[in-house]
Amino acid sequence: MQEKENQLTKNLIPNQWTTGRLSITDSTLDEAPELQRINDVVPQTSTFMRVEGKDEADCTMLSAIRDGVLPPTPDRSKEKFRLQSIRLSSSNELIGFLGVYHGFPSADIFWINTVTFHPDFQGKGYGSELLTKLAEIVKGLGCFSSMRTYVAINNIHSLRLCVKLGFNHLLAVVGEQEQMDTTNTYVLLDKPFETTHIKKDV
Protein backbone atom coordinates (compact mmCIF):
# COMPACT_ATOMS: atom_id res chain seq x y z
CA MET A 1 0.00 0.00 0.00
CA GLN A 2 2.80 2.39 0.97
CA GLU A 3 4.64 1.59 -2.26
CA LYS A 4 1.53 2.42 -4.30
CA GLU A 5 1.15 5.78 -2.51
CA ASN A 6 4.82 6.59 -3.10
CA GLN A 7 4.46 5.79 -6.80
CA LEU A 8 1.38 8.04 -7.05
CA THR A 9 3.31 10.91 -5.44
CA LYS A 10 6.10 10.49 -8.00
CA ASN A 11 3.57 10.90 -10.80
CA LEU A 12 2.16 14.20 -9.50
CA ILE A 13 3.40 17.75 -9.94
CA PRO A 14 5.12 19.18 -6.83
CA ASN A 15 3.13 20.74 -3.99
CA GLN A 16 5.31 23.80 -4.44
CA TRP A 17 7.25 25.12 -7.44
CA THR A 18 8.42 28.39 -8.90
CA THR A 19 9.00 30.26 -12.14
CA GLY A 20 11.06 33.39 -12.65
CA ARG A 21 8.42 35.67 -11.13
CA LEU A 22 5.86 33.34 -9.57
CA SER A 23 5.51 31.03 -6.59
CA ILE A 24 2.95 28.23 -6.93
CA THR A 25 1.77 26.17 -3.94
CA ASP A 26 -1.16 23.90 -3.05
CA SER A 27 -4.15 26.04 -2.08
CA THR A 28 -5.28 26.04 1.55
CA LEU A 29 -8.72 26.43 3.09
CA ASP A 30 -7.90 29.87 4.50
CA GLU A 31 -7.18 31.09 0.94
CA ALA A 32 -10.66 30.08 -0.28
CA PRO A 33 -12.36 33.52 0.12
CA GLU A 34 -9.62 35.33 -1.79
CA LEU A 35 -9.51 32.66 -4.49
CA GLN A 36 -13.30 32.87 -4.81
CA ARG A 37 -13.08 36.65 -5.33
CA ILE A 38 -10.54 36.14 -8.13
CA ASN A 39 -12.69 33.45 -9.73
CA ASP A 40 -15.81 35.61 -9.58
CA VAL A 41 -14.26 38.47 -11.56
CA VAL A 42 -13.00 36.27 -14.42
CA PRO A 43 -16.06 35.28 -16.52
CA GLN A 44 -14.13 32.87 -18.78
CA THR A 45 -13.27 30.54 -15.89
CA SER A 46 -15.95 31.32 -13.30
CA THR A 47 -17.58 27.88 -13.69
CA PHE A 48 -14.51 25.64 -13.62
CA MET A 49 -15.50 24.21 -10.20
CA ARG A 50 -18.69 22.59 -11.53
CA VAL A 51 -18.84 18.88 -10.79
CA GLU A 52 -21.29 16.49 -12.42
CA GLY A 53 -24.07 15.55 -10.01
CA LYS A 54 -23.49 18.48 -7.65
CA ASP A 55 -25.69 21.56 -7.28
CA GLU A 56 -24.02 24.60 -8.84
CA ALA A 57 -24.37 26.55 -5.59
CA ASP A 58 -22.20 23.93 -3.87
CA CYS A 59 -19.41 24.20 -6.44
CA THR A 60 -17.23 26.87 -4.85
CA MET A 61 -13.52 27.40 -4.40
CA LEU A 62 -13.93 26.09 -0.86
CA SER A 63 -15.39 22.82 -2.16
CA ALA A 64 -12.68 22.67 -4.85
CA ILE A 65 -9.98 22.80 -2.17
CA ARG A 66 -11.78 20.46 0.20
CA ASP A 67 -13.26 17.89 -2.22
CA GLY A 68 -11.48 18.50 -5.53
CA VAL A 69 -12.91 19.03 -9.01
CA LEU A 70 -13.02 15.46 -10.22
CA PRO A 71 -13.80 14.08 -13.68
CA PRO A 72 -16.85 11.87 -14.36
CA THR A 73 -14.83 8.64 -14.42
CA PRO A 74 -15.17 5.54 -12.19
CA ASP A 75 -11.57 5.70 -10.94
CA ARG A 76 -11.54 9.43 -10.11
CA SER A 77 -9.46 10.32 -7.08
CA LYS A 78 -8.98 13.52 -5.11
CA GLU A 79 -5.29 12.66 -4.78
CA LYS A 80 -4.91 13.20 -8.53
CA PHE A 81 -6.46 16.69 -8.43
CA ARG A 82 -4.46 19.78 -7.55
CA LEU A 83 -5.65 23.31 -6.92
CA GLN A 84 -2.65 25.58 -6.54
CA SER A 85 -2.42 29.24 -5.64
CA ILE A 86 -0.29 31.55 -7.77
CA ARG A 87 1.58 34.34 -5.98
CA LEU A 88 4.11 36.95 -7.00
CA SER A 89 7.52 35.91 -5.70
CA SER A 90 8.45 39.54 -5.08
CA SER A 91 5.52 40.43 -2.82
CA ASN A 92 3.71 37.13 -2.05
CA GLU A 93 0.51 38.69 -3.41
CA LEU A 94 -2.10 36.12 -4.45
CA ILE A 95 -2.90 36.79 -8.11
CA GLY A 96 -4.47 33.60 -9.45
CA PHE A 97 -4.82 29.85 -9.33
CA LEU A 98 -4.14 26.67 -11.28
CA GLY A 99 -6.41 23.60 -11.34
CA VAL A 100 -5.17 20.30 -12.82
CA TYR A 101 -6.03 16.61 -12.85
CA HIS A 102 -3.45 13.87 -13.36
CA GLY A 103 -4.97 11.36 -15.78
CA PHE A 104 -8.08 12.51 -17.67
CA PRO A 105 -9.70 11.47 -19.96
CA SER A 106 -7.11 8.65 -19.89
CA ALA A 107 -4.27 7.84 -17.52
CA ASP A 108 -1.59 9.30 -19.83
CA ILE A 109 -3.24 12.72 -20.25
CA PHE A 110 -2.43 15.63 -17.92
CA TRP A 111 -5.62 17.69 -17.76
CA ILE A 112 -5.58 21.44 -17.07
CA ASN A 113 -8.91 22.51 -15.60
CA THR A 114 -7.99 26.16 -15.47
CA VAL A 115 -5.24 28.76 -15.34
CA THR A 116 -6.82 31.89 -13.89
CA PHE A 117 -5.28 35.27 -13.15
CA HIS A 118 -6.97 38.31 -11.63
CA PRO A 119 -7.69 40.85 -14.42
CA ASP A 120 -5.15 43.27 -12.89
CA PHE A 121 -2.41 40.72 -13.65
CA GLN A 122 -3.47 39.56 -17.10
CA GLY A 123 -1.50 40.54 -20.19
CA LYS A 124 1.82 40.60 -18.34
CA GLY A 125 3.19 37.26 -19.56
CA TYR A 126 2.46 35.34 -16.36
CA GLY A 127 0.31 32.74 -18.13
CA SER A 128 3.02 31.94 -20.64
CA GLU A 129 5.65 31.78 -17.90
CA LEU A 130 3.56 29.45 -15.77
CA LEU A 131 2.49 27.08 -18.56
CA THR A 132 6.01 26.83 -19.97
CA LYS A 133 7.35 25.72 -16.59
CA LEU A 134 4.37 23.44 -15.98
CA ALA A 135 4.95 21.67 -19.30
CA GLU A 136 8.59 21.13 -18.35
CA ILE A 137 7.55 19.61 -15.00
CA VAL A 138 4.83 17.38 -16.47
CA LYS A 139 7.05 16.10 -19.27
CA GLY A 140 9.73 15.35 -16.70
CA LEU A 141 7.36 13.07 -14.78
CA GLY A 142 7.65 10.65 -17.71
CA CYS A 143 4.13 9.24 -17.41
CA PHE A 144 2.06 11.61 -19.57
CA SER A 145 1.92 11.63 -23.35
CA SER A 146 0.32 15.08 -23.56
CA MET A 147 -1.26 18.01 -21.75
CA ARG A 148 -4.86 18.87 -22.54
CA THR A 149 -7.17 21.79 -21.81
CA TYR A 150 -10.24 23.59 -23.09
CA VAL A 151 -10.71 27.29 -23.84
CA ALA A 152 -13.85 29.34 -24.41
CA ILE A 153 -14.09 29.96 -28.14
CA ASN A 154 -14.41 33.72 -27.68
CA ASN A 155 -11.38 33.95 -25.37
CA ILE A 156 -9.01 34.96 -28.17
CA HIS A 157 -6.12 35.87 -25.86
CA SER A 158 -6.09 32.42 -24.22
CA LEU A 159 -6.48 30.67 -27.57
CA ARG A 160 -3.48 32.51 -28.99
CA LEU A 161 -1.44 31.75 -25.88
CA CYS A 162 -2.27 28.03 -26.00
CA VAL A 163 -1.36 27.75 -29.68
CA LYS A 164 1.89 29.63 -29.06
CA LEU A 165 2.80 27.19 -26.29
CA GLY A 166 2.12 24.10 -28.38
CA PHE A 167 -1.53 23.35 -27.63
CA ASN A 168 -2.11 23.25 -31.36
CA HIS A 169 -3.98 19.96 -31.79
CA LEU A 170 -7.67 20.81 -32.02
CA LEU A 171 -9.57 17.76 -30.79
CA ALA A 172 -13.16 19.01 -30.63
CA VAL A 173 -15.50 21.97 -30.38
CA VAL A 174 -17.93 21.51 -27.50
CA GLY A 175 -21.19 23.47 -27.37
CA GLU A 176 -24.17 24.45 -29.45
CA GLN A 177 -23.48 26.12 -32.81
CA GLU A 178 -25.94 28.92 -32.07
CA GLN A 179 -23.84 29.75 -28.99
CA MET A 180 -20.53 30.06 -30.82
CA ASP A 181 -20.06 33.64 -29.60
CA THR A 182 -20.53 32.81 -25.91
CA THR A 183 -18.44 31.25 -23.18
CA ASN A 184 -20.70 28.17 -23.38
CA THR A 185 -18.71 26.91 -26.38
CA TYR A 186 -15.19 25.58 -25.95
CA VAL A 187 -12.36 24.20 -28.04
CA LEU A 188 -10.50 21.16 -26.73
CA LEU A 189 -6.76 21.53 -27.27
CA ASP A 190 -3.90 19.06 -26.87
CA LYS A 191 -0.15 19.57 -26.46
CA PRO A 192 1.64 16.27 -27.21
CA PHE A 193 5.04 15.40 -25.78
CA GLU A 194 7.75 13.75 -27.85
CA THR A 195 8.17 10.84 -25.47
CA THR A 196 9.73 7.50 -26.29
CA HIS A 197 8.65 5.78 -23.10
CA ILE A 198 5.60 6.34 -20.94
CA LYS A 199 5.37 4.64 -17.57
CA LYS A 200 2.12 2.69 -17.19
CA ASP A 201 1.81 2.80 -13.42
CA VAL A 202 0.02 6.17 -13.07
C-alpha atoms as a PDB file:
ATOM      1  CA  MET A   1       0.000   0.000   0.000  1.00  0.00           C
ATOM      2  CA  GLN A   2       2.798   2.387   0.965  1.00  0.00           C
ATOM      3  CA  GLU A   3       4.642   1.586  -2.257  1.00  0.00           C
ATOM      4  CA  LYS A   4       1.532   2.422  -4.304  1.00  0.00           C
ATOM      5  CA  GLU A   5       1.151   5.778  -2.507  1.00  0.00           C
ATOM      6  CA  ASN A   6       4.821   6.593  -3.097  1.00  0.00           C
ATOM      7  CA  GLN A   7       4.457   5.791  -6.800  1.00  0.00           C
ATOM      8  CA  LEU A   8       1.381   8.041  -7.055  1.00  0.00           C
ATOM      9  CA  THR A   9       3.306  10.909  -5.442  1.00  0.00           C
ATOM     10  CA  LYS A  10       6.104  10.490  -7.998  1.00  0.00           C
ATOM     11  CA  ASN A  11       3.565  10.897 -10.796  1.00  0.00           C
ATOM     12  CA  LEU A  12       2.164  14.199  -9.496  1.00  0.00           C
ATOM     13  CA  ILE A  13       3.398  17.750  -9.938  1.00  0.00           C
ATOM     14  CA  PRO A  14       5.119  19.178  -6.827  1.00  0.00           C
ATOM     15  CA  ASN A  15       3.132  20.740  -3.991  1.00  0.00           C
ATOM     16  CA  GLN A  16       5.310  23.804  -4.443  1.00  0.00           C
ATOM     17  CA  TRP A  17       7.251  25.118  -7.438  1.00  0.00           C
ATOM     18  CA  THR A  18       8.422  28.390  -8.904  1.00  0.00           C
ATOM     19  CA  THR A  19       9.000  30.263 -12.142  1.00  0.00           C
ATOM     20  CA  GLY A  20      11.061  33.394 -12.649  1.00  0.00           C
ATOM     21  CA  ARG A  21       8.423  35.668 -11.126  1.00  0.00           C
ATOM     22  CA  LEU A  22       5.859  33.337  -9.573  1.00  0.00           C
ATOM     23  CA  SER A  23       5.506  31.032  -6.591  1.00  0.00           C
ATOM     24  CA  ILE A  24       2.951  28.226  -6.932  1.00  0.00           C
ATOM     25  CA  THR A  25       1.771  26.169  -3.942  1.00  0.00           C
ATOM     26  CA  ASP A  26      -1.162  23.903  -3.049  1.00  0.00           C
ATOM     27  CA  SER A  27      -4.153  26.044  -2.083  1.00  0.00           C
ATOM     28  CA  THR A  28      -5.278  26.038   1.550  1.00  0.00           C
ATOM     29  CA  LEU A  29      -8.718  26.435   3.092  1.00  0.00           C
ATOM     30  CA  ASP A  30      -7.895  29.866   4.496  1.00  0.00           C
ATOM     31  CA  GLU A  31      -7.176  31.087   0.941  1.00  0.00           C
ATOM     32  CA  ALA A  32     -10.655  30.080  -0.277  1.00  0.00           C
ATOM     33  CA  PRO A  33     -12.357  33.518   0.121  1.00  0.00           C
ATOM     34  CA  GLU A  34      -9.621  35.332  -1.790  1.00  0.00           C
ATOM     35  CA  LEU A  35      -9.509  32.658  -4.489  1.00  0.00           C
ATOM     36  CA  GLN A  36     -13.296  32.874  -4.808  1.00  0.00           C
ATOM     37  CA  ARG A  37     -13.078  36.647  -5.334  1.00  0.00           C
ATOM     38  CA  ILE A  38     -10.537  36.138  -8.133  1.00  0.00           C
ATOM     39  CA  ASN A  39     -12.688  33.452  -9.727  1.00  0.00           C
ATOM     40  CA  ASP A  40     -15.814  35.615  -9.576  1.00  0.00           C
ATOM     41  CA  VAL A  41     -14.256  38.474 -11.564  1.00  0.00           C
ATOM     42  CA  VAL A  42     -12.995  36.272 -14.419  1.00  0.00           C
ATOM     43  CA  PRO A  43     -16.056  35.276 -16.522  1.00  0.00           C
ATOM     44  CA  GLN A  44     -14.134  32.870 -18.777  1.00  0.00           C
ATOM     45  CA  THR A  45     -13.269  30.536 -15.893  1.00  0.00           C
ATOM     46  CA  SER A  46     -15.946  31.315 -13.303  1.00  0.00           C
ATOM     47  CA  THR A  47     -17.582  27.879 -13.688  1.00  0.00           C
ATOM     48  CA  PHE A  48     -14.505  25.644 -13.619  1.00  0.00           C
ATOM     49  CA  MET A  49     -15.500  24.207 -10.200  1.00  0.00           C
ATOM     50  CA  ARG A  50     -18.685  22.592 -11.529  1.00  0.00           C
ATOM     51  CA  VAL A  51     -18.836  18.882 -10.790  1.00  0.00           C
ATOM     52  CA  GLU A  52     -21.287  16.490 -12.423  1.00  0.00           C
ATOM     53  CA  GLY A  53     -24.074  15.550 -10.011  1.00  0.00           C
ATOM     54  CA  LYS A  54     -23.493  18.484  -7.646  1.00  0.00           C
ATOM     55  CA  ASP A  55     -25.686  21.561  -7.282  1.00  0.00           C
ATOM     56  CA  GLU A  56     -24.016  24.600  -8.841  1.00  0.00           C
ATOM     57  CA  ALA A  57     -24.367  26.549  -5.588  1.00  0.00           C
ATOM     58  CA  ASP A  58     -22.196  23.930  -3.874  1.00  0.00           C
ATOM     59  CA  CYS A  59     -19.408  24.203  -6.443  1.00  0.00           C
ATOM     60  CA  THR A  60     -17.230  26.869  -4.847  1.00  0.00           C
ATOM     61  CA  MET A  61     -13.522  27.396  -4.401  1.00  0.00           C
ATOM     62  CA  LEU A  62     -13.932  26.091  -0.862  1.00  0.00           C
ATOM     63  CA  SER A  63     -15.392  22.823  -2.162  1.00  0.00           C
ATOM     64  CA  ALA A  64     -12.683  22.674  -4.853  1.00  0.00           C
ATOM     65  CA  ILE A  65      -9.985  22.802  -2.168  1.00  0.00           C
ATOM     66  CA  ARG A  66     -11.784  20.456   0.200  1.00  0.00           C
ATOM     67  CA  ASP A  67     -13.264  17.887  -2.220  1.00  0.00           C
ATOM     68  CA  GLY A  68     -11.480  18.502  -5.526  1.00  0.00           C
ATOM     69  CA  VAL A  69     -12.911  19.032  -9.010  1.00  0.00           C
ATOM     70  CA  LEU A  70     -13.020  15.461 -10.216  1.00  0.00           C
ATOM     71  CA  PRO A  71     -13.801  14.084 -13.680  1.00  0.00           C
ATOM     72  CA  PRO A  72     -16.855  11.868 -14.364  1.00  0.00           C
ATOM     73  CA  THR A  73     -14.831   8.644 -14.424  1.00  0.00           C
ATOM     74  CA  PRO A  74     -15.173   5.543 -12.185  1.00  0.00           C
ATOM     75  CA  ASP A  75     -11.569   5.703 -10.944  1.00  0.00           C
ATOM     76  CA  ARG A  76     -11.541   9.430 -10.110  1.00  0.00           C
ATOM     77  CA  SER A  77      -9.459  10.321  -7.081  1.00  0.00           C
ATOM     78  CA  LYS A  78      -8.981  13.524  -5.108  1.00  0.00           C
ATOM     79  CA  GLU A  79      -5.286  12.661  -4.783  1.00  0.00           C
ATOM     80  CA  LYS A  80      -4.906  13.204  -8.533  1.00  0.00           C
ATOM     81  CA  PHE A  81      -6.456  16.690  -8.425  1.00  0.00           C
ATOM     82  CA  ARG A  82      -4.458  19.775  -7.550  1.00  0.00           C
ATOM     83  CA  LEU A  83      -5.653  23.305  -6.921  1.00  0.00           C
ATOM     84  CA  GLN A  84      -2.647  25.578  -6.544  1.00  0.00           C
ATOM     85  CA  SER A  85      -2.416  29.239  -5.640  1.00  0.00           C
ATOM     86  CA  ILE A  86      -0.285  31.554  -7.769  1.00  0.00           C
ATOM     87  CA  ARG A  87       1.584  34.338  -5.978  1.00  0.00           C
ATOM     88  CA  LEU A  88       4.112  36.955  -6.995  1.00  0.00           C
ATOM     89  CA  SER A  89       7.517  35.910  -5.696  1.00  0.00           C
ATOM     90  CA  SER A  90       8.453  39.538  -5.079  1.00  0.00           C
ATOM     91  CA  SER A  91       5.518  40.430  -2.817  1.00  0.00           C
ATOM     92  CA  ASN A  92       3.707  37.131  -2.047  1.00  0.00           C
ATOM     93  CA  GLU A  93       0.508  38.689  -3.407  1.00  0.00           C
ATOM     94  CA  LEU A  94      -2.102  36.123  -4.445  1.00  0.00           C
ATOM     95  CA  ILE A  95      -2.899  36.787  -8.110  1.00  0.00           C
ATOM     96  CA  GLY A  96      -4.467  33.603  -9.454  1.00  0.00           C
ATOM     97  CA  PHE A  97      -4.817  29.847  -9.330  1.00  0.00           C
ATOM     98  CA  LEU A  98      -4.145  26.673 -11.279  1.00  0.00           C
ATOM     99  CA  GLY A  99      -6.408  23.604 -11.335  1.00  0.00           C
ATOM    100  CA  VAL A 100      -5.167  20.301 -12.816  1.00  0.00           C
ATOM    101  CA  TYR A 101      -6.030  16.608 -12.848  1.00  0.00           C
ATOM    102  CA  HIS A 102      -3.446  13.865 -13.358  1.00  0.00           C
ATOM    103  CA  GLY A 103      -4.973  11.364 -15.784  1.00  0.00           C
ATOM    104  CA  PHE A 104      -8.079  12.511 -17.668  1.00  0.00           C
ATOM    105  CA  PRO A 105      -9.698  11.471 -19.958  1.00  0.00           C
ATOM    106  CA  SER A 106      -7.115   8.651 -19.891  1.00  0.00           C
ATOM    107  CA  ALA A 107      -4.269   7.842 -17.524  1.00  0.00           C
ATOM    108  CA  ASP A 108      -1.592   9.295 -19.829  1.00  0.00           C
ATOM    109  CA  ILE A 109      -3.245  12.721 -20.247  1.00  0.00           C
ATOM    110  CA  PHE A 110      -2.430  15.633 -17.916  1.00  0.00           C
ATOM    111  CA  TRP A 111      -5.623  17.690 -17.763  1.00  0.00           C
ATOM    112  CA  ILE A 112      -5.576  21.437 -17.072  1.00  0.00           C
ATOM    113  CA  ASN A 113      -8.910  22.513 -15.596  1.00  0.00           C
ATOM    114  CA  THR A 114      -7.988  26.165 -15.466  1.00  0.00           C
ATOM    115  CA  VAL A 115      -5.237  28.760 -15.336  1.00  0.00           C
ATOM    116  CA  THR A 116      -6.817  31.891 -13.889  1.00  0.00           C
ATOM    117  CA  PHE A 117      -5.275  35.272 -13.147  1.00  0.00           C
ATOM    118  CA  HIS A 118      -6.974  38.307 -11.634  1.00  0.00           C
ATOM    119  CA  PRO A 119      -7.689  40.854 -14.417  1.00  0.00           C
ATOM    120  CA  ASP A 120      -5.151  43.266 -12.893  1.00  0.00           C
ATOM    121  CA  PHE A 121      -2.414  40.720 -13.650  1.00  0.00           C
ATOM    122  CA  GLN A 122      -3.473  39.560 -17.096  1.00  0.00           C
ATOM    123  CA  GLY A 123      -1.499  40.542 -20.190  1.00  0.00           C
ATOM    124  CA  LYS A 124       1.820  40.600 -18.336  1.00  0.00           C
ATOM    125  CA  GLY A 125       3.185  37.262 -19.557  1.00  0.00           C
ATOM    126  CA  TYR A 126       2.459  35.340 -16.358  1.00  0.00           C
ATOM    127  CA  GLY A 127       0.310  32.736 -18.125  1.00  0.00           C
ATOM    128  CA  SER A 128       3.020  31.941 -20.640  1.00  0.00           C
ATOM    129  CA  GLU A 129       5.647  31.782 -17.898  1.00  0.00           C
ATOM    130  CA  LEU A 130       3.561  29.448 -15.770  1.00  0.00           C
ATOM    131  CA  LEU A 131       2.486  27.077 -18.562  1.00  0.00           C
ATOM    132  CA  THR A 132       6.006  26.827 -19.967  1.00  0.00           C
ATOM    133  CA  LYS A 133       7.349  25.717 -16.588  1.00  0.00           C
ATOM    134  CA  LEU A 134       4.366  23.441 -15.981  1.00  0.00           C
ATOM    135  CA  ALA A 135       4.946  21.674 -19.304  1.00  0.00           C
ATOM    136  CA  GLU A 136       8.586  21.134 -18.348  1.00  0.00           C
ATOM    137  CA  ILE A 137       7.554  19.608 -14.999  1.00  0.00           C
ATOM    138  CA  VAL A 138       4.831  17.382 -16.470  1.00  0.00           C
ATOM    139  CA  LYS A 139       7.049  16.103 -19.271  1.00  0.00           C
ATOM    140  CA  GLY A 140       9.733  15.346 -16.696  1.00  0.00           C
ATOM    141  CA  LEU A 141       7.362  13.070 -14.777  1.00  0.00           C
ATOM    142  CA  GLY A 142       7.648  10.654 -17.712  1.00  0.00           C
ATOM    143  CA  CYS A 143       4.130   9.237 -17.406  1.00  0.00           C
ATOM    144  CA  PHE A 144       2.058  11.608 -19.566  1.00  0.00           C
ATOM    145  CA  SER A 145       1.923  11.634 -23.354  1.00  0.00           C
ATOM    146  CA  SER A 146       0.315  15.076 -23.556  1.00  0.00           C
ATOM    147  CA  MET A 147      -1.264  18.008 -21.745  1.00  0.00           C
ATOM    148  CA  ARG A 148      -4.856  18.872 -22.543  1.00  0.00           C
ATOM    149  CA  THR A 149      -7.170  21.788 -21.810  1.00  0.00           C
ATOM    150  CA  TYR A 150     -10.241  23.592 -23.090  1.00  0.00           C
ATOM    151  CA  VAL A 151     -10.711  27.288 -23.839  1.00  0.00           C
ATOM    152  CA  ALA A 152     -13.853  29.341 -24.414  1.00  0.00           C
ATOM    153  CA  ILE A 153     -14.087  29.962 -28.143  1.00  0.00           C
ATOM    154  CA  ASN A 154     -14.410  33.721 -27.675  1.00  0.00           C
ATOM    155  CA  ASN A 155     -11.378  33.948 -25.375  1.00  0.00           C
ATOM    156  CA  ILE A 156      -9.012  34.964 -28.166  1.00  0.00           C
ATOM    157  CA  HIS A 157      -6.122  35.875 -25.865  1.00  0.00           C
ATOM    158  CA  SER A 158      -6.090  32.424 -24.215  1.00  0.00           C
ATOM    159  CA  LEU A 159      -6.485  30.666 -27.571  1.00  0.00           C
ATOM    160  CA  ARG A 160      -3.481  32.507 -28.991  1.00  0.00           C
ATOM    161  CA  LEU A 161      -1.438  31.748 -25.879  1.00  0.00           C
ATOM    162  CA  CYS A 162      -2.271  28.032 -26.002  1.00  0.00           C
ATOM    163  CA  VAL A 163      -1.361  27.748 -29.683  1.00  0.00           C
ATOM    164  CA  LYS A 164       1.890  29.635 -29.064  1.00  0.00           C
ATOM    165  CA  LEU A 165       2.799  27.191 -26.287  1.00  0.00           C
ATOM    166  CA  GLY A 166       2.122  24.100 -28.378  1.00  0.00           C
ATOM    167  CA  PHE A 167      -1.533  23.349 -27.629  1.00  0.00           C
ATOM    168  CA  ASN A 168      -2.113  23.251 -31.358  1.00  0.00           C
ATOM    169  CA  HIS A 169      -3.980  19.965 -31.787  1.00  0.00           C
ATOM    170  CA  LEU A 170      -7.674  20.812 -32.017  1.00  0.00           C
ATOM    171  CA  LEU A 171      -9.571  17.758 -30.793  1.00  0.00           C
ATOM    172  CA  ALA A 172     -13.158  19.011 -30.628  1.00  0.00           C
ATOM    173  CA  VAL A 173     -15.504  21.974 -30.381  1.00  0.00           C
ATOM    174  CA  VAL A 174     -17.929  21.505 -27.502  1.00  0.00           C
ATOM    175  CA  GLY A 175     -21.191  23.473 -27.372  1.00  0.00           C
ATOM    176  CA  GLU A 176     -24.173  24.454 -29.455  1.00  0.00           C
ATOM    177  CA  GLN A 177     -23.484  26.116 -32.806  1.00  0.00           C
ATOM    178  CA  GLU A 178     -25.937  28.918 -32.069  1.00  0.00           C
ATOM    179  CA  GLN A 179     -23.835  29.752 -28.986  1.00  0.00           C
ATOM    180  CA  MET A 180     -20.533  30.059 -30.820  1.00  0.00           C
ATOM    181  CA  ASP A 181     -20.055  33.645 -29.596  1.00  0.00           C
ATOM    182  CA  THR A 182     -20.527  32.806 -25.913  1.00  0.00           C
ATOM    183  CA  THR A 183     -18.439  31.245 -23.177  1.00  0.00           C
ATOM    184  CA  ASN A 184     -20.697  28.167 -23.385  1.00  0.00           C
ATOM    185  CA  THR A 185     -18.710  26.912 -26.380  1.00  0.00           C
ATOM    186  CA  TYR A 186     -15.188  25.575 -25.952  1.00  0.00           C
ATOM    187  CA  VAL A 187     -12.355  24.197 -28.038  1.00  0.00           C
ATOM    188  CA  LEU A 188     -10.501  21.160 -26.726  1.00  0.00           C
ATOM    189  CA  LEU A 189      -6.758  21.533 -27.271  1.00  0.00           C
ATOM    190  CA  ASP A 190      -3.903  19.061 -26.866  1.00  0.00           C
ATOM    191  CA  LYS A 191      -0.153  19.567 -26.460  1.00  0.00           C
ATOM    192  CA  PRO A 192       1.635  16.267 -27.208  1.00  0.00           C
ATOM    193  CA  PHE A 193       5.041  15.405 -25.785  1.00  0.00           C
ATOM    194  CA  GLU A 194       7.749  13.753 -27.846  1.00  0.00           C
ATOM    195  CA  THR A 195       8.173  10.844 -25.471  1.00  0.00           C
ATOM    196  CA  THR A 196       9.733   7.501 -26.294  1.00  0.00           C
ATOM    197  CA  HIS A 197       8.645   5.781 -23.100  1.00  0.00           C
ATOM    198  CA  ILE A 198       5.597   6.342 -20.940  1.00  0.00           C
ATOM    199  CA  LYS A 199       5.366   4.639 -17.569  1.00  0.00           C
ATOM    200  CA  LYS A 200       2.122   2.691 -17.193  1.00  0.00           C
ATOM    201  CA  ASP A 201       1.807   2.797 -13.418  1.00  0.00           C
ATOM    202  CA  VAL A 202       0.017   6.166 -13.073  1.00  0.00           C
END
